[in-house]
Amino acid sequence: MAALAKRRYTLEEYLELEKHAEERYAYFGGEVVAMSGASLQHNRIVRNLIRAIDARLEGKSCEVLPTDMRIKVPKALPYRYADLVVVCGEPLLEDMQGVEMLVNPLVIIEVLSASTEAYDRGIKFFEYQSIASFQEYVLIAQDRPHITHYVRQDSGQWLRSDLHGIVEHLLLRTLDCAIPVAEIYRQVPLLLQDES
């Protein structure tokens, strides 16, 4: 991500920019940052996830939405972008000056890169936790078969599990579906060394 300009933007200026821009921008307390393009591996993982999740949602009142869906994040207004979100039931949208934001994501998935991994694992996860409907967070490495999965517990705490290797399954509990890790990484060349 690269800063758009060395000046502070008002929220209104940012929303106007987003309405008319062909690129996606993130807003961080006055700073506007252009979202950079993704690698081929990243795009293949996102494509594989859309296919895998969508196939398993057949007959359920849930849908998977790709990268461009804005998510309203109360601790990081006005919104953030994720690589994928899953919503169940009717998608609730909020309009802010002509920009639509999803209010009720259930599952949020991020495909990690060297430039975003620390942010996705840290501040962004903390910000996402302010979304009332948010129940599962999945972080997928694109350079090795490694997935970190968080599930919100009844206590409000987050239970973490890690999948290492291509033979495991990602169990999305709130969707009641299991996806083979090999399916997520289909056509993605990986370094298959020991992850211990």
Protein backbone atom coordinates (compact mmCIF):
# COMPACT_ATOMS: atom_id res chain seq x y z
CA MET A 1 0.00 0.00 0.00
CA ALA A 2 1.29 3.45 -0.85
CA ALA A 3 0.14 6.83 0.44
CA LEU A 4 -1.81 8.84 -2.14
CA ALA A 5 -0.46 12.25 -1.18
CA LYS A 6 1.31 13.88 1.74
CA ARG A 7 -1.72 15.70 3.02
CA ARG A 8 -4.61 14.85 5.31
CA TYR A 9 -8.00 14.08 3.79
CA THR A 10 -11.34 14.66 5.43
CA LEU A 11 -13.70 11.69 5.52
CA GLU A 12 -15.90 13.47 2.97
CA GLU A 13 -12.94 13.95 0.57
CA TYR A 14 -12.01 10.29 0.92
CA LEU A 15 -15.56 9.09 0.20
CA GLU A 16 -15.72 11.32 -2.87
CA LEU A 17 -12.41 9.88 -4.09
CA GLU A 18 -13.66 6.32 -3.57
CA LYS A 19 -16.89 6.97 -5.49
CA HIS A 20 -15.03 8.03 -8.63
CA ALA A 21 -11.76 6.09 -8.49
CA GLU A 22 -10.99 2.97 -10.49
CA GLU A 23 -8.55 1.85 -7.77
CA ARG A 24 -9.34 1.01 -4.15
CA TYR A 25 -8.09 3.23 -1.34
CA ALA A 26 -7.92 2.74 2.40
CA TYR A 27 -8.50 5.53 4.91
CA PHE A 28 -6.43 5.74 8.11
CA GLY A 29 -7.39 8.77 10.19
CA GLY A 30 -6.84 11.31 7.42
CA GLU A 31 -4.25 9.42 5.40
CA VAL A 32 -5.41 7.89 2.12
CA VAL A 33 -3.49 4.83 0.92
CA ALA A 34 -3.79 3.16 -2.49
CA MET A 35 -4.37 -0.59 -2.29
CA SER A 36 -1.74 -2.28 -4.44
CA GLY A 37 -2.46 -5.07 -6.89
CA ALA A 38 -2.18 -8.68 -5.78
CA SER A 39 0.15 -11.43 -6.96
CA LEU A 40 -0.95 -14.33 -9.15
CA GLN A 41 -0.71 -16.69 -6.15
CA HIS A 42 -2.88 -14.36 -4.07
CA ASN A 43 -5.51 -14.17 -6.81
CA ARG A 44 -5.53 -17.94 -7.29
CA ILE A 45 -6.08 -18.51 -3.57
CA VAL A 46 -8.97 -16.00 -3.54
CA ARG A 47 -10.48 -17.64 -6.63
CA ASN A 48 -10.13 -21.11 -5.08
CA LEU A 49 -11.77 -19.94 -1.86
CA ILE A 50 -14.70 -18.34 -3.66
CA ARG A 51 -15.32 -21.58 -5.57
CA ALA A 52 -14.87 -23.83 -2.54
CA ILE A 53 -17.01 -21.82 -0.14
CA ASP A 54 -19.71 -21.06 -2.70
CA ALA A 55 -20.08 -24.77 -3.57
CA ARG A 56 -20.49 -25.63 0.13
CA LEU A 57 -23.09 -22.90 0.71
CA GLU A 58 -25.53 -24.50 -1.73
CA GLY A 59 -28.96 -24.53 -0.06
CA LYS A 60 -27.85 -22.22 2.77
CA SER A 61 -28.85 -18.58 3.15
CA CYS A 62 -25.22 -17.46 3.01
CA GLU A 63 -23.05 -15.96 0.29
CA VAL A 64 -19.38 -15.27 -0.28
CA LEU A 65 -18.42 -11.77 -1.44
CA PRO A 66 -15.05 -10.85 -3.00
CA THR A 67 -12.44 -8.19 -2.43
CA ASP A 68 -14.32 -5.05 -3.42
CA MET A 69 -17.03 -5.38 -0.75
CA ARG A 70 -16.51 -2.60 1.78
CA ILE A 71 -17.00 -3.67 5.41
CA LYS A 72 -18.13 -1.17 8.03
CA VAL A 73 -15.70 -1.43 10.94
CA PRO A 74 -16.80 0.62 13.99
CA LYS A 75 -13.22 0.94 15.32
CA ALA A 76 -11.86 1.94 11.90
CA LEU A 77 -14.46 4.13 10.26
CA PRO A 78 -15.63 4.38 7.65
CA TYR A 79 -14.73 0.87 6.41
CA ARG A 80 -12.05 -1.65 5.48
CA TYR A 81 -11.56 -4.07 2.60
CA ALA A 82 -10.98 -7.80 3.11
CA ASP A 83 -10.04 -10.41 0.53
CA LEU A 84 -13.30 -12.31 1.13
CA VAL A 85 -16.29 -12.05 3.41
CA VAL A 86 -19.19 -14.39 4.03
CA VAL A 87 -22.56 -13.09 5.10
CA CYS A 88 -25.51 -15.21 6.19
CA GLY A 89 -29.10 -14.08 5.97
CA GLU A 90 -29.88 -10.75 4.36
CA PRO A 91 -26.78 -8.62 3.74
CA LEU A 92 -27.20 -5.41 5.74
CA LEU A 93 -25.83 -2.41 3.91
CA GLU A 94 -25.24 1.09 5.15
CA ASP A 95 -24.88 4.00 2.77
CA MET A 96 -22.41 6.76 3.53
CA GLN A 97 -22.53 9.55 0.97
CA GLY A 98 -23.31 7.12 -1.86
CA VAL A 99 -20.80 4.44 -0.78
CA GLU A 100 -22.22 1.04 0.29
CA MET A 101 -20.75 -0.79 3.28
CA LEU A 102 -21.59 -4.28 4.52
CA VAL A 103 -22.54 -4.16 8.20
CA ASN A 104 -22.99 -7.86 9.04
CA PRO A 105 -20.10 -10.07 7.84
CA LEU A 106 -19.89 -13.43 9.63
CA VAL A 107 -16.55 -14.71 8.27
CA ILE A 108 -13.64 -12.55 7.11
CA ILE A 109 -10.72 -14.02 5.16
CA GLU A 110 -7.39 -12.38 4.40
CA VAL A 111 -4.65 -13.76 2.12
CA LEU A 112 -1.36 -12.63 3.60
CA SER A 113 1.53 -10.94 1.84
CA ALA A 114 4.85 -9.72 3.18
CA SER A 115 3.63 -6.11 3.15
CA THR A 116 0.28 -6.75 4.91
CA GLU A 117 0.84 -9.74 7.21
CA ALA A 118 1.67 -7.81 10.40
CA TYR A 119 -1.26 -5.44 9.87
CA ASP A 120 -3.73 -8.26 9.05
CA ARG A 121 -2.65 -10.26 12.12
CA GLY A 122 -2.57 -7.26 14.46
CA ILE A 123 -4.38 -3.94 14.13
CA LYS A 124 -6.80 -5.04 11.40
CA PHE A 125 -7.92 -8.09 13.40
CA PHE A 126 -8.37 -5.90 16.48
CA GLU A 127 -10.46 -3.44 14.43
CA TYR A 128 -12.57 -6.22 12.89
CA GLN A 129 -13.48 -7.45 16.38
CA SER A 130 -15.68 -4.35 16.80
CA ILE A 131 -18.12 -5.82 14.21
CA ALA A 132 -20.96 -7.42 16.20
CA SER A 133 -21.73 -10.17 13.64
CA PHE A 134 -18.08 -11.18 13.06
CA GLN A 135 -17.43 -14.79 14.21
CA GLU A 136 -14.50 -16.27 12.23
CA TYR A 137 -11.23 -14.87 10.92
CA VAL A 138 -9.04 -16.81 8.50
CA LEU A 139 -5.49 -15.80 7.53
CA ILE A 140 -3.95 -17.68 4.62
CA ALA A 141 -0.25 -17.62 3.73
CA GLN A 142 0.44 -17.51 0.01
CA ASP A 143 4.05 -18.68 0.13
CA ARG A 144 3.58 -21.91 2.13
CA PRO A 145 0.66 -24.13 3.20
CA HIS A 146 -0.21 -22.39 6.46
CA ILE A 147 -3.61 -21.15 7.66
CA THR A 148 -4.41 -19.40 10.93
CA HIS A 149 -8.05 -19.63 11.98
CA TYR A 150 -9.76 -17.73 14.80
CA VAL A 151 -13.27 -18.50 16.10
CA ARG A 152 -15.11 -16.20 18.51
CA GLN A 153 -16.19 -18.07 21.64
CA ASP A 154 -19.34 -17.40 23.69
CA SER A 155 -17.11 -15.61 26.22
CA GLY A 156 -15.97 -13.17 23.53
CA GLN A 157 -12.47 -14.65 23.48
CA TRP A 158 -10.97 -15.88 20.21
CA LEU A 159 -9.82 -19.49 19.87
CA ARG A 160 -6.84 -19.85 17.52
CA SER A 161 -5.86 -22.91 15.54
CA ASP A 162 -3.15 -23.33 12.90
CA LEU A 163 -3.16 -25.65 9.92
CA HIS A 164 0.25 -26.71 8.62
CA GLY A 165 0.48 -28.67 5.42
CA ILE A 166 -1.61 -29.53 2.44
CA VAL A 167 -3.47 -32.60 3.81
CA GLU A 168 -5.52 -30.82 6.50
CA HIS A 169 -9.03 -29.29 6.30
CA LEU A 170 -10.18 -25.79 7.18
CA LEU A 171 -13.35 -26.16 9.24
CA LEU A 172 -15.53 -23.06 9.04
CA ARG A 173 -17.68 -23.74 12.08
CA THR A 174 -20.28 -21.02 11.61
CA LEU A 175 -20.90 -22.24 8.05
CA ASP A 176 -20.71 -25.93 8.98
CA CYS A 177 -18.33 -26.75 6.15
CA ALA A 178 -14.84 -28.19 5.74
CA ILE A 179 -12.52 -27.23 2.89
CA PRO A 180 -9.41 -29.30 2.09
CA VAL A 181 -6.28 -27.14 2.31
CA ALA A 182 -5.17 -28.70 -1.00
CA GLU A 183 -8.28 -27.19 -2.63
CA ILE A 184 -7.44 -23.73 -1.26
CA TYR A 185 -3.91 -23.96 -2.70
CA ARG A 186 -4.85 -25.51 -6.06
CA GLN A 187 -2.47 -24.25 -8.80
CA VAL A 188 -0.37 -22.37 -6.22
CA PRO A 189 3.31 -23.38 -6.19
CA LEU A 190 4.41 -23.79 -2.58
CA LEU A 191 7.53 -24.30 -0.54
CA LEU A 192 6.61 -27.59 1.10
CA GLN A 193 9.24 -27.60 3.83
CA ASP A 194 8.39 -28.57 7.40
CA GLU A 195 6.39 -25.81 9.13
CA SER A 196 7.39 -26.73 12.70
